[in-house]
Amino acid sequence: MTQDELWNKNYDQIFEFMKTNKRRPSKHRTEDLPMLNWFKYQKKKLAQNTLKKNRISRFKELLKLADKYLRVNQHSYTTYVPVGRPRKNGNKTATRKVVVKVNATEDKE
């Protein structure tokens, strides 16, 4: 089996996994670990610009699908927003922690 055939096999496996299970591979499930490791390694290669050119567009398609299935838990996410007047030691504005509620049912099909 050539490298391209193996890459396509792994790509198809993860793509079908996410389509059928409506989630990403998890680090907490042992049967998902090989898929997760392959996915993370391809993300690393894409960030380093070492992923082959013929694979980039297909992998970006997989990333779009993976973004659709981001894990949302029962906790709220937090963000920092500027508040008040600038600090005395510089021109940066002070920040305050604000809780942002995320609705987990927005993108369900």
N, C-alpha and C. Protein backbone atom coordinates (compact mmCIF):
# COMPACT_ATOMS: atom_id res chain seq x y z
N MET A 1 0.84 -1.18 0.00
CA MET A 1 0.00 0.00 0.00
C MET A 1 0.89 1.24 0.00
N THR A 2 0.64 2.16 -0.91
CA THR A 2 1.46 3.36 -1.00
C THR A 2 1.06 4.35 0.09
N GLN A 3 1.89 5.36 0.26
CA GLN A 3 1.60 6.38 1.27
C GLN A 3 0.30 7.12 0.95
N ASP A 4 0.08 7.42 -0.32
CA ASP A 4 -1.15 8.12 -0.70
C ASP A 4 -2.38 7.26 -0.43
N GLU A 5 -2.30 5.98 -0.71
CA GLU A 5 -3.42 5.09 -0.44
C GLU A 5 -3.71 5.01 1.06
N LEU A 6 -2.64 4.93 1.87
CA LEU A 6 -2.81 4.87 3.31
C LEU A 6 -3.39 6.19 3.84
N TRP A 7 -2.90 7.32 3.32
CA TRP A 7 -3.43 8.62 3.75
C TRP A 7 -4.92 8.72 3.40
N ASN A 8 -5.28 8.32 2.19
CA ASN A 8 -6.69 8.37 1.78
C ASN A 8 -7.55 7.44 2.63
N LYS A 9 -7.02 6.29 2.99
CA LYS A 9 -7.76 5.35 3.83
C LYS A 9 -8.03 5.96 5.20
N ASN A 10 -7.01 6.58 5.80
CA ASN A 10 -7.18 7.22 7.11
C ASN A 10 -8.14 8.40 7.01
N TYR A 11 -8.02 9.17 5.96
CA TYR A 11 -8.91 10.31 5.75
C TYR A 11 -10.36 9.83 5.66
N ASP A 12 -10.61 8.83 4.84
CA ASP A 12 -11.97 8.31 4.68
C ASP A 12 -12.51 7.73 5.98
N GLN A 13 -11.64 7.07 6.72
CA GLN A 13 -12.06 6.48 7.99
C GLN A 13 -12.51 7.56 8.98
N ILE A 14 -11.74 8.63 9.11
CA ILE A 14 -12.10 9.70 10.05
C ILE A 14 -13.31 10.46 9.55
N PHE A 15 -13.38 10.70 8.25
CA PHE A 15 -14.52 11.42 7.69
C PHE A 15 -15.82 10.66 7.95
N GLU A 16 -15.83 9.36 7.69
CA GLU A 16 -17.01 8.55 7.93
C GLU A 16 -17.33 8.44 9.42
N PHE A 17 -16.29 8.36 10.25
CA PHE A 17 -16.48 8.30 11.70
C PHE A 17 -17.21 9.54 12.20
N MET A 18 -16.77 10.72 11.76
CA MET A 18 -17.39 11.95 12.22
C MET A 18 -18.81 12.10 11.66
N LYS A 19 -19.03 11.65 10.43
CA LYS A 19 -20.37 11.73 9.85
C LYS A 19 -21.36 10.82 10.58
N THR A 20 -20.94 9.60 10.90
CA THR A 20 -21.86 8.66 11.52
C THR A 20 -22.05 8.91 13.02
N ASN A 21 -20.98 9.26 13.73
CA ASN A 21 -21.05 9.44 15.18
C ASN A 21 -21.33 10.88 15.60
N LYS A 22 -21.23 11.81 14.67
CA LYS A 22 -21.47 13.24 14.93
C LYS A 22 -20.61 13.75 16.08
N ARG A 23 -19.36 13.33 16.07
CA ARG A 23 -18.38 13.81 17.04
C ARG A 23 -16.98 13.56 16.50
N ARG A 24 -16.01 14.21 17.12
CA ARG A 24 -14.61 14.00 16.78
C ARG A 24 -14.09 12.75 17.49
N PRO A 25 -12.97 12.20 17.04
CA PRO A 25 -12.34 11.12 17.80
C PRO A 25 -11.92 11.63 19.18
N SER A 26 -12.10 10.82 20.20
CA SER A 26 -11.85 11.24 21.57
C SER A 26 -10.56 10.63 22.11
N LYS A 27 -9.87 11.40 22.95
CA LYS A 27 -8.67 10.87 23.60
C LYS A 27 -9.03 9.96 24.77
N HIS A 28 -10.30 9.95 25.15
CA HIS A 28 -10.75 9.15 26.28
C HIS A 28 -11.25 7.76 25.87
N ARG A 29 -11.33 7.50 24.59
CA ARG A 29 -11.77 6.19 24.10
C ARG A 29 -10.62 5.53 23.36
N THR A 30 -10.23 4.37 23.79
CA THR A 30 -9.05 3.72 23.21
C THR A 30 -9.24 3.38 21.74
N GLU A 31 -10.47 3.08 21.32
CA GLU A 31 -10.68 2.75 19.91
C GLU A 31 -10.54 3.97 19.00
N ASP A 32 -10.62 5.17 19.56
CA ASP A 32 -10.49 6.40 18.77
C ASP A 32 -9.05 6.91 18.67
N LEU A 33 -8.17 6.41 19.50
CA LEU A 33 -6.82 6.97 19.58
C LEU A 33 -6.03 6.96 18.27
N PRO A 34 -6.04 5.88 17.49
CA PRO A 34 -5.28 5.95 16.22
C PRO A 34 -5.80 7.04 15.28
N MET A 35 -7.11 7.21 15.23
CA MET A 35 -7.68 8.27 14.38
C MET A 35 -7.30 9.64 14.92
N LEU A 36 -7.39 9.80 16.24
CA LEU A 36 -7.05 11.08 16.85
C LEU A 36 -5.59 11.43 16.61
N ASN A 37 -4.72 10.47 16.78
CA ASN A 37 -3.29 10.72 16.57
C ASN A 37 -3.00 11.11 15.12
N TRP A 38 -3.61 10.43 14.17
CA TRP A 38 -3.43 10.77 12.76
C TRP A 38 -3.94 12.19 12.49
N PHE A 39 -5.11 12.50 13.02
CA PHE A 39 -5.72 13.82 12.81
C PHE A 39 -4.84 14.93 13.37
N LYS A 40 -4.35 14.73 14.60
CA LYS A 40 -3.49 15.76 15.21
C LYS A 40 -2.18 15.92 14.46
N TYR A 41 -1.61 14.82 13.98
CA TYR A 41 -0.35 14.88 13.24
C TYR A 41 -0.53 15.62 11.91
N GLN A 42 -1.66 15.40 11.26
CA GLN A 42 -1.92 16.11 10.00
C GLN A 42 -2.12 17.61 10.25
N LYS A 43 -2.75 17.95 11.38
CA LYS A 43 -2.91 19.37 11.74
C LYS A 43 -1.54 20.01 11.97
N LYS A 44 -0.66 19.27 12.61
CA LYS A 44 0.69 19.76 12.88
C LYS A 44 1.45 19.99 11.57
N LYS A 45 1.34 19.02 10.66
CA LYS A 45 2.02 19.15 9.37
C LYS A 45 1.45 20.32 8.56
N LEU A 46 0.15 20.54 8.64
CA LEU A 46 -0.47 21.67 7.95
C LEU A 46 0.04 22.99 8.52
N ALA A 47 0.17 23.08 9.82
CA ALA A 47 0.67 24.30 10.46
C ALA A 47 2.14 24.56 10.10
N GLN A 48 2.91 23.50 9.90
CA GLN A 48 4.32 23.63 9.55
C GLN A 48 4.54 23.74 8.05
N ASN A 49 3.47 23.72 7.26
CA ASN A 49 3.53 23.75 5.80
C ASN A 49 4.33 22.58 5.22
N THR A 50 4.22 21.42 5.84
CA THR A 50 4.91 20.24 5.32
C THR A 50 3.92 19.21 4.78
N LEU A 51 2.63 19.51 4.83
CA LEU A 51 1.63 18.62 4.28
C LEU A 51 1.67 18.73 2.75
N LYS A 52 1.59 17.59 2.06
CA LYS A 52 1.67 17.61 0.60
C LYS A 52 0.54 18.44 0.00
N LYS A 53 0.84 19.11 -1.09
CA LYS A 53 -0.11 20.04 -1.70
C LYS A 53 -1.41 19.38 -2.12
N ASN A 54 -1.33 18.14 -2.59
CA ASN A 54 -2.55 17.48 -3.05
C ASN A 54 -3.45 17.05 -1.88
N ARG A 55 -2.94 17.11 -0.66
CA ARG A 55 -3.71 16.71 0.51
C ARG A 55 -4.29 17.91 1.28
N ILE A 56 -3.78 19.08 1.02
CA ILE A 56 -4.18 20.25 1.81
C ILE A 56 -5.67 20.54 1.70
N SER A 57 -6.19 20.58 0.49
CA SER A 57 -7.61 20.93 0.32
C SER A 57 -8.52 19.88 0.96
N ARG A 58 -8.17 18.62 0.81
CA ARG A 58 -8.99 17.55 1.41
C ARG A 58 -8.95 17.62 2.93
N PHE A 59 -7.75 17.92 3.48
CA PHE A 59 -7.66 17.99 4.94
C PHE A 59 -8.40 19.21 5.48
N LYS A 60 -8.38 20.31 4.75
CA LYS A 60 -9.14 21.49 5.19
C LYS A 60 -10.63 21.20 5.21
N GLU A 61 -11.08 20.37 4.28
CA GLU A 61 -12.48 19.93 4.27
C GLU A 61 -12.80 19.13 5.53
N LEU A 62 -11.86 18.29 5.93
CA LEU A 62 -12.02 17.51 7.16
C LEU A 62 -12.03 18.42 8.38
N LEU A 63 -11.20 19.46 8.37
CA LEU A 63 -11.18 20.41 9.48
C LEU A 63 -12.51 21.14 9.61
N LYS A 64 -13.12 21.49 8.49
CA LYS A 64 -14.44 22.15 8.54
C LYS A 64 -15.46 21.24 9.20
N LEU A 65 -15.43 19.97 8.84
CA LEU A 65 -16.35 19.02 9.45
C LEU A 65 -16.05 18.88 10.94
N ALA A 66 -14.79 18.85 11.30
CA ALA A 66 -14.40 18.71 12.71
C ALA A 66 -14.83 19.94 13.51
N ASP A 67 -14.77 21.12 12.92
CA ASP A 67 -15.21 22.33 13.61
C ASP A 67 -16.70 22.28 13.91
N LYS A 68 -17.43 21.62 13.08
CA LYS A 68 -18.87 21.48 13.29
C LYS A 68 -19.16 20.65 14.54
N TYR A 69 -18.25 19.73 14.86
CA TYR A 69 -18.46 18.84 16.00
C TYR A 69 -17.53 19.15 17.17
N LEU A 70 -17.29 20.43 17.41
CA LEU A 70 -16.49 20.80 18.57
C LEU A 70 -17.20 20.35 19.84
N ARG A 71 -16.45 19.90 20.79
CA ARG A 71 -17.04 19.40 22.03
C ARG A 71 -17.52 20.56 22.88
N VAL A 72 -18.77 20.50 23.30
CA VAL A 72 -19.34 21.50 24.19
C VAL A 72 -19.78 20.77 25.44
N ASN A 73 -19.29 21.20 26.58
CA ASN A 73 -19.66 20.52 27.82
C ASN A 73 -20.68 21.35 28.59
N GLN A 74 -20.96 20.95 29.81
CA GLN A 74 -21.99 21.60 30.58
C GLN A 74 -21.53 22.93 31.18
N HIS A 75 -20.26 23.23 31.13
CA HIS A 75 -19.74 24.45 31.71
C HIS A 75 -19.80 25.60 30.71
N SER A 76 -19.81 26.79 31.23
CA SER A 76 -19.80 27.97 30.38
C SER A 76 -18.36 28.32 30.03
N TYR A 77 -18.19 28.94 28.89
CA TYR A 77 -16.88 29.40 28.49
C TYR A 77 -16.68 30.82 29.01
N THR A 78 -15.44 31.18 29.25
CA THR A 78 -15.15 32.51 29.76
C THR A 78 -14.33 33.29 28.75
N THR A 79 -14.46 34.56 28.79
CA THR A 79 -13.67 35.42 27.93
C THR A 79 -13.31 36.67 28.71
N TYR A 80 -12.33 37.40 28.26
CA TYR A 80 -11.90 38.61 28.91
C TYR A 80 -12.27 39.80 28.04
N VAL A 81 -12.93 40.79 28.63
CA VAL A 81 -13.33 41.98 27.89
C VAL A 81 -12.74 43.20 28.56
N PRO A 82 -12.44 44.25 27.79
CA PRO A 82 -11.89 45.47 28.39
C PRO A 82 -12.96 46.21 29.21
N VAL A 83 -12.56 46.71 30.35
CA VAL A 83 -13.46 47.50 31.20
C VAL A 83 -12.69 48.66 31.80
N GLY A 84 -13.40 49.70 32.20
CA GLY A 84 -12.80 50.79 32.95
C GLY A 84 -11.84 51.65 32.16
N ARG A 85 -11.00 52.31 32.92
CA ARG A 85 -10.05 53.25 32.32
C ARG A 85 -8.69 52.59 32.13
N PRO A 86 -7.81 53.19 31.33
CA PRO A 86 -6.48 52.60 31.12
C PRO A 86 -5.69 52.50 32.43
N ARG A 87 -4.82 51.54 32.50
CA ARG A 87 -3.98 51.36 33.68
C ARG A 87 -2.97 52.50 33.78
N LYS A 88 -2.50 52.73 34.99
CA LYS A 88 -1.55 53.83 35.22
C LYS A 88 -0.17 53.54 34.63
N ASN A 89 0.20 52.25 34.53
CA ASN A 89 1.53 51.90 34.07
C ASN A 89 1.64 51.82 32.55
N GLY A 90 0.57 52.09 31.83
CA GLY A 90 0.63 52.02 30.38
C GLY A 90 -0.74 52.34 29.79
N ASN A 91 -0.86 52.16 28.52
CA ASN A 91 -2.11 52.51 27.88
C ASN A 91 -3.05 51.33 27.70
N LYS A 92 -2.72 50.19 28.29
CA LYS A 92 -3.59 49.03 28.17
C LYS A 92 -4.79 49.17 29.11
N THR A 93 -5.91 48.74 28.65
CA THR A 93 -7.13 48.78 29.44
C THR A 93 -7.22 47.54 30.32
N ALA A 94 -7.74 47.73 31.51
CA ALA A 94 -7.92 46.60 32.42
C ALA A 94 -8.93 45.63 31.82
N THR A 95 -8.82 44.38 32.22
CA THR A 95 -9.76 43.38 31.71
C THR A 95 -10.52 42.75 32.86
N ARG A 96 -11.67 42.21 32.55
CA ARG A 96 -12.51 41.55 33.54
C ARG A 96 -13.00 40.24 32.94
N LYS A 97 -13.10 39.24 33.77
CA LYS A 97 -13.57 37.93 33.32
C LYS A 97 -15.09 37.98 33.20
N VAL A 98 -15.61 37.55 32.04
CA VAL A 98 -17.05 37.56 31.79
C VAL A 98 -17.47 36.15 31.37
N VAL A 99 -18.55 35.67 31.92
CA VAL A 99 -19.05 34.34 31.58
C VAL A 99 -19.95 34.45 30.36
N VAL A 100 -19.69 33.61 29.36
CA VAL A 100 -20.48 33.58 28.14
C VAL A 100 -21.16 32.22 28.07
N LYS A 101 -22.46 32.21 28.00
CA LYS A 101 -23.20 30.96 27.90
C LYS A 101 -23.20 30.48 26.46
N VAL A 102 -23.04 29.19 26.25
CA VAL A 102 -23.04 28.58 24.93
C VAL A 102 -24.23 27.65 24.84
N ASN A 103 -25.03 27.81 23.81
CA ASN A 103 -26.19 26.94 23.61
C ASN A 103 -25.74 25.73 22.82
N ALA A 104 -25.78 24.55 23.41
CA ALA A 104 -25.28 23.33 22.77
C ALA A 104 -26.22 22.79 21.70
N THR A 105 -27.43 23.30 21.63
CA THR A 105 -28.40 22.75 20.68
C THR A 105 -28.55 23.56 19.41
N GLU A 106 -27.71 24.55 19.19
CA GLU A 106 -27.85 25.44 18.03
C GLU A 106 -27.65 24.73 16.70
N ASP A 107 -26.60 23.93 16.56
CA ASP A 107 -26.25 23.36 15.26
C ASP A 107 -26.68 21.91 15.09
N LYS A 108 -27.63 21.46 15.85
CA LYS A 108 -28.07 20.07 15.68
C LYS A 108 -28.92 19.94 14.43
N GLU A 109 -28.71 18.86 13.72
CA GLU A 109 -29.46 18.61 12.48
C GLU A 109 -30.47 17.50 12.70
